Amino acid sequence: MSTAQATPSTPVEPPPTRTPPLSRAASDAIELATLQGRLFLADGRACMASVRTGVALGAVGLALLVAAAPLALVALAMWLQGMYELSPEAAYAIVAASAAVIGACFGYAAIRSSRDGFALLSRSCADLEENLKALTHPDDTATTPSR
């Protein structure tokens, strides 16, 4: 029998060991949680960027309707009244309807932009459900990753 001795220049590698299934499942779960956390952060950033755009559009629309609009609308109504010889009531009605249409356009843009941002976050939730399902049922090969 010959015995192999380790020299200082060549380290002895331990024999390969098999990872118990429970340990492998735990490490898979930890890796999945880490990756899912990164995915949520990335999608959360994209969602917030989109929501930020919606909030900014909504703030612009609100500022238009609440702060600057009364002065501009009165001036426009007075201009219509003088230019087209309209009655004050007709001029104010035209200006109010125009402001309502512009405000509705800004509101629609804000809602649509926010909805797109939240759709990104729901995609991450769907990916998490799919990953958890694949982790609990590793034999299912019918499920394919969405990304």
C-alpha atoms as a PDB file:
ATOM      1  CA  MET A   1       0.000   0.000   0.000  1.00  0.00           C
ATOM      2  CA  SER A   2       1.311   3.348  -0.903  1.00  0.00           C
ATOM      3  CA  THR A   3       0.261   6.441   0.941  1.00  0.00           C
ATOM      4  CA  ALA A   4       0.162   9.759  -0.784  1.00  0.00           C
ATOM      5  CA  GLN A   5       1.453  12.627   1.223  1.00  0.00           C
ATOM      6  CA  ALA A   6       0.526  16.204   0.483  1.00  0.00           C
ATOM      7  CA  THR A   7       3.373  18.498  -0.288  1.00  0.00           C
ATOM      8  CA  PRO A   8       3.133  22.208   0.535  1.00  0.00           C
ATOM      9  CA  SER A   9       2.989  23.094  -3.162  1.00  0.00           C
ATOM     10  CA  THR A  10       0.098  20.777  -4.116  1.00  0.00           C
ATOM     11  CA  PRO A  11      -3.016  20.960  -1.972  1.00  0.00           C
ATOM     12  CA  VAL A  12      -5.084  17.841  -1.468  1.00  0.00           C
ATOM     13  CA  GLU A  13      -8.587  18.188  -2.844  1.00  0.00           C
ATOM     14  CA  PRO A  14     -11.364  16.650  -0.803  1.00  0.00           C
ATOM     15  CA  PRO A  15     -13.243  13.842  -2.484  1.00  0.00           C
ATOM     16  CA  PRO A  16     -16.387  14.943  -4.306  1.00  0.00           C
ATOM     17  CA  THR A  17     -19.483  14.637  -2.169  1.00  0.00           C
ATOM     18  CA  ARG A  18     -23.046  14.384  -3.209  1.00  0.00           C
ATOM     19  CA  THR A  19     -25.257  17.188  -2.041  1.00  0.00           C
ATOM     20  CA  PRO A  20     -28.270  15.883  -0.160  1.00  0.00           C
ATOM     21  CA  PRO A  21     -31.583  16.678  -1.900  1.00  0.00           C
ATOM     22  CA  LEU A  22     -32.776  18.795   1.025  1.00  0.00           C
ATOM     23  CA  SER A  23     -29.621  20.891   0.978  1.00  0.00           C
ATOM     24  CA  ARG A  24     -29.859  21.300  -2.787  1.00  0.00           C
ATOM     25  CA  ALA A  25     -33.508  22.351  -2.500  1.00  0.00           C
ATOM     26  CA  ALA A  26     -32.603  24.886   0.172  1.00  0.00           C
ATOM     27  CA  SER A  27     -29.796  26.335  -1.923  1.00  0.00           C
ATOM     28  CA  ASP A  28     -32.149  26.450  -4.943  1.00  0.00           C
ATOM     29  CA  ALA A  29     -34.743  28.277  -2.854  1.00  0.00           C
ATOM     30  CA  ILE A  30     -32.149  30.785  -1.652  1.00  0.00           C
ATOM     31  CA  GLU A  31     -30.887  31.323  -5.187  1.00  0.00           C
ATOM     32  CA  LEU A  32     -34.457  31.740  -6.437  1.00  0.00           C
ATOM     33  CA  ALA A  33     -35.192  34.266  -3.701  1.00  0.00           C
ATOM     34  CA  THR A  34     -32.051  36.216  -4.591  1.00  0.00           C
ATOM     35  CA  LEU A  35     -32.820  36.225  -8.300  1.00  0.00           C
ATOM     36  CA  GLN A  36     -36.465  37.064  -7.684  1.00  0.00           C
ATOM     37  CA  GLY A  37     -35.402  39.945  -5.451  1.00  0.00           C
ATOM     38  CA  ARG A  38     -33.189  41.286  -8.219  1.00  0.00           C
ATOM     39  CA  LEU A  39     -36.039  40.901 -10.692  1.00  0.00           C
ATOM     40  CA  PHE A  40     -38.415  42.788  -8.395  1.00  0.00           C
ATOM     41  CA  LEU A  41     -35.866  45.572  -7.987  1.00  0.00           C
ATOM     42  CA  ALA A  42     -35.340  45.889 -11.730  1.00  0.00           C
ATOM     43  CA  ASP A  43     -39.051  45.800 -12.500  1.00  0.00           C
ATOM     44  CA  GLY A  44     -39.744  48.094  -9.567  1.00  0.00           C
ATOM     45  CA  ARG A  45     -37.340  50.660 -10.980  1.00  0.00           C
ATOM     46  CA  ALA A  46     -38.954  50.420 -14.415  1.00  0.00           C
ATOM     47  CA  CYS A  47     -42.395  50.641 -12.815  1.00  0.00           C
ATOM     48  CA  MET A  48     -41.438  53.697 -10.787  1.00  0.00           C
ATOM     49  CA  ALA A  49     -39.995  55.394 -13.861  1.00  0.00           C
ATOM     50  CA  SER A  50     -43.252  54.848 -15.694  1.00  0.00           C
ATOM     51  CA  VAL A  51     -45.368  55.848 -12.690  1.00  0.00           C
ATOM     52  CA  ARG A  52     -43.186  58.919 -12.211  1.00  0.00           C
ATOM     53  CA  THR A  53     -44.026  59.959 -15.770  1.00  0.00           C
ATOM     54  CA  GLY A  54     -47.719  59.503 -15.066  1.00  0.00           C
ATOM     55  CA  VAL A  55     -47.523  61.475 -11.854  1.00  0.00           C
ATOM     56  CA  ALA A  56     -45.625  64.261 -13.611  1.00  0.00           C
ATOM     57  CA  LEU A  57     -48.222  64.405 -16.392  1.00  0.00           C
ATOM     58  CA  GLY A  58     -50.986  64.439 -13.810  1.00  0.00           C
ATOM     59  CA  ALA A  59     -49.284  67.233 -11.888  1.00  0.00           C
ATOM     60  CA  VAL A  60     -48.937  69.295 -15.059  1.00  0.00           C
ATOM     61  CA  GLY A  61     -52.611  68.741 -15.870  1.00  0.00           C
ATOM     62  CA  LEU A  62     -53.642  69.621 -12.335  1.00  0.00           C
ATOM     63  CA  ALA A  63     -51.486  72.740 -12.317  1.00  0.00           C
ATOM     64  CA  LEU A  64     -53.025  73.785 -15.621  1.00  0.00           C
ATOM     65  CA  LEU A  65     -56.557  73.372 -14.338  1.00  0.00           C
ATOM     66  CA  VAL A  66     -56.088  74.721 -10.821  1.00  0.00           C
ATOM     67  CA  ALA A  67     -53.379  77.380 -10.843  1.00  0.00           C
ATOM     68  CA  ALA A  68     -52.817  78.959 -14.234  1.00  0.00           C
ATOM     69  CA  ALA A  69     -56.081  78.099 -15.901  1.00  0.00           C
ATOM     70  CA  PRO A  70     -58.439  80.669 -14.339  1.00  0.00           C
ATOM     71  CA  LEU A  71     -56.445  83.677 -15.483  1.00  0.00           C
ATOM     72  CA  ALA A  72     -55.772  82.302 -18.936  1.00  0.00           C
ATOM     73  CA  LEU A  73     -59.349  81.181 -19.364  1.00  0.00           C
ATOM     74  CA  VAL A  74     -60.815  84.519 -18.358  1.00  0.00           C
ATOM     75  CA  ALA A  75     -58.438  86.283 -20.740  1.00  0.00           C
ATOM     76  CA  LEU A  76     -59.398  83.912 -23.551  1.00  0.00           C
ATOM     77  CA  ALA A  77     -63.081  84.420 -22.873  1.00  0.00           C
ATOM     78  CA  MET A  78     -62.655  88.179 -22.952  1.00  0.00           C
ATOM     79  CA  TRP A  79     -60.735  87.897 -26.232  1.00  0.00           C
ATOM     80  CA  LEU A  80     -63.484  85.738 -27.770  1.00  0.00           C
ATOM     81  CA  GLN A  81     -66.091  88.170 -26.560  1.00  0.00           C
ATOM     82  CA  GLY A  82     -64.337  91.143 -28.137  1.00  0.00           C
ATOM     83  CA  MET A  83     -63.083  89.449 -31.310  1.00  0.00           C
ATOM     84  CA  TYR A  84     -66.214  87.593 -32.339  1.00  0.00           C
ATOM     85  CA  GLU A  85     -68.740  89.778 -30.545  1.00  0.00           C
ATOM     86  CA  LEU A  86     -69.980  86.850 -28.483  1.00  0.00           C
ATOM     87  CA  SER A  87     -72.007  87.235 -25.349  1.00  0.00           C
ATOM     88  CA  PRO A  88     -69.992  86.776 -22.138  1.00  0.00           C
ATOM     89  CA  GLU A  89     -71.869  83.536 -21.386  1.00  0.00           C
ATOM     90  CA  ALA A  90     -71.034  81.996 -24.771  1.00  0.00           C
ATOM     91  CA  ALA A  91     -67.369  83.024 -24.564  1.00  0.00           C
ATOM     92  CA  TYR A  92     -67.001  81.556 -21.066  1.00  0.00           C
ATOM     93  CA  ALA A  93     -68.753  78.331 -22.108  1.00  0.00           C
ATOM     94  CA  ILE A  94     -66.421  77.856 -25.092  1.00  0.00           C
ATOM     95  CA  VAL A  95     -63.361  78.437 -22.930  1.00  0.00           C
ATOM     96  CA  ALA A  96     -64.595  76.126 -20.157  1.00  0.00           C
ATOM     97  CA  ALA A  97     -65.285  73.305 -22.635  1.00  0.00           C
ATOM     98  CA  SER A  98     -61.830  73.717 -24.187  1.00  0.00           C
ATOM     99  CA  ALA A  99     -60.167  73.579 -20.760  1.00  0.00           C
ATOM    100  CA  ALA A 100     -62.146  70.466 -19.848  1.00  0.00           C
ATOM    101  CA  VAL A 101     -60.984  68.696 -23.019  1.00  0.00           C
ATOM    102  CA  ILE A 102     -57.338  69.638 -22.395  1.00  0.00           C
ATOM    103  CA  GLY A 103     -57.555  68.527 -18.748  1.00  0.00           C
ATOM    104  CA  ALA A 104     -59.160  65.234 -19.776  1.00  0.00           C
ATOM    105  CA  CYS A 105     -56.311  64.610 -22.245  1.00  0.00           C
ATOM    106  CA  PHE A 106     -53.713  65.125 -19.516  1.00  0.00           C
ATOM    107  CA  GLY A 107     -55.684  62.886 -17.151  1.00  0.00           C
ATOM    108  CA  TYR A 108     -55.932  60.124 -19.749  1.00  0.00           C
ATOM    109  CA  ALA A 109     -52.193  60.328 -20.428  1.00  0.00           C
ATOM    110  CA  ALA A 110     -51.460  60.118 -16.696  1.00  0.00           C
ATOM    111  CA  ILE A 111     -53.692  57.079 -16.171  1.00  0.00           C
ATOM    112  CA  ARG A 112     -52.334  55.263 -19.207  1.00  0.00           C
ATOM    113  CA  SER A 113     -48.720  55.864 -18.222  1.00  0.00           C
ATOM    114  CA  SER A 114     -49.330  54.658 -14.661  1.00  0.00           C
ATOM    115  CA  ARG A 115     -51.186  51.547 -15.883  1.00  0.00           C
ATOM    116  CA  ASP A 116     -48.240  50.598 -18.110  1.00  0.00           C
ATOM    117  CA  GLY A 117     -45.894  50.885 -15.148  1.00  0.00           C
ATOM    118  CA  PHE A 118     -47.996  48.638 -12.937  1.00  0.00           C
ATOM    119  CA  ALA A 119     -48.198  46.059 -15.735  1.00  0.00           C
ATOM    120  CA  LEU A 120     -44.411  45.648 -15.456  1.00  0.00           C
ATOM    121  CA  LEU A 121     -44.720  44.879 -11.762  1.00  0.00           C
ATOM    122  CA  SER A 122     -47.473  42.320 -12.316  1.00  0.00           C
ATOM    123  CA  ARG A 123     -45.180  40.550 -14.797  1.00  0.00           C
ATOM    124  CA  SER A 124     -42.660  40.067 -11.977  1.00  0.00           C
ATOM    125  CA  CYS A 125     -45.364  38.607  -9.761  1.00  0.00           C
ATOM    126  CA  ALA A 126     -46.328  36.171 -12.510  1.00  0.00           C
ATOM    127  CA  ASP A 127     -42.674  35.170 -12.889  1.00  0.00           C
ATOM    128  CA  LEU A 128     -42.439  34.580  -9.142  1.00  0.00           C
ATOM    129  CA  GLU A 129     -45.510  32.345  -9.196  1.00  0.00           C
ATOM    130  CA  GLU A 130     -44.079  30.401 -12.126  1.00  0.00           C
ATOM    131  CA  ASN A 131     -40.694  29.998 -10.428  1.00  0.00           C
ATOM    132  CA  LEU A 132     -42.257  28.853  -7.169  1.00  0.00           C
ATOM    133  CA  LYS A 133     -44.410  26.368  -9.033  1.00  0.00           C
ATOM    134  CA  ALA A 134     -41.342  25.036 -10.850  1.00  0.00           C
ATOM    135  CA  LEU A 135     -39.449  24.792  -7.548  1.00  0.00           C
ATOM    136  CA  THR A 136     -42.203  22.841  -5.818  1.00  0.00           C
ATOM    137  CA  HIS A 137     -42.795  20.588  -8.848  1.00  0.00           C
ATOM    138  CA  PRO A 138     -39.359  20.067 -10.442  1.00  0.00           C
ATOM    139  CA  ASP A 139     -40.619  17.126 -12.531  1.00  0.00           C
ATOM    140  CA  ASP A 140     -42.883  19.354 -14.624  1.00  0.00           C
ATOM    141  CA  THR A 141     -40.996  20.123 -17.809  1.00  0.00           C
ATOM    142  CA  ALA A 142     -44.015  21.714 -19.518  1.00  0.00           C
ATOM    143  CA  THR A 143     -43.407  25.058 -17.852  1.00  0.00           C
ATOM    144  CA  THR A 144     -40.898  27.238 -19.586  1.00  0.00           C
ATOM    145  CA  PRO A 145     -39.404  30.405 -18.173  1.00  0.00           C
ATOM    146  CA  SER A 146     -41.019  33.577 -19.466  1.00  0.00           C
ATOM    147  CA  ARG A 147     -37.670  35.320 -19.892  1.00  0.00           C
END
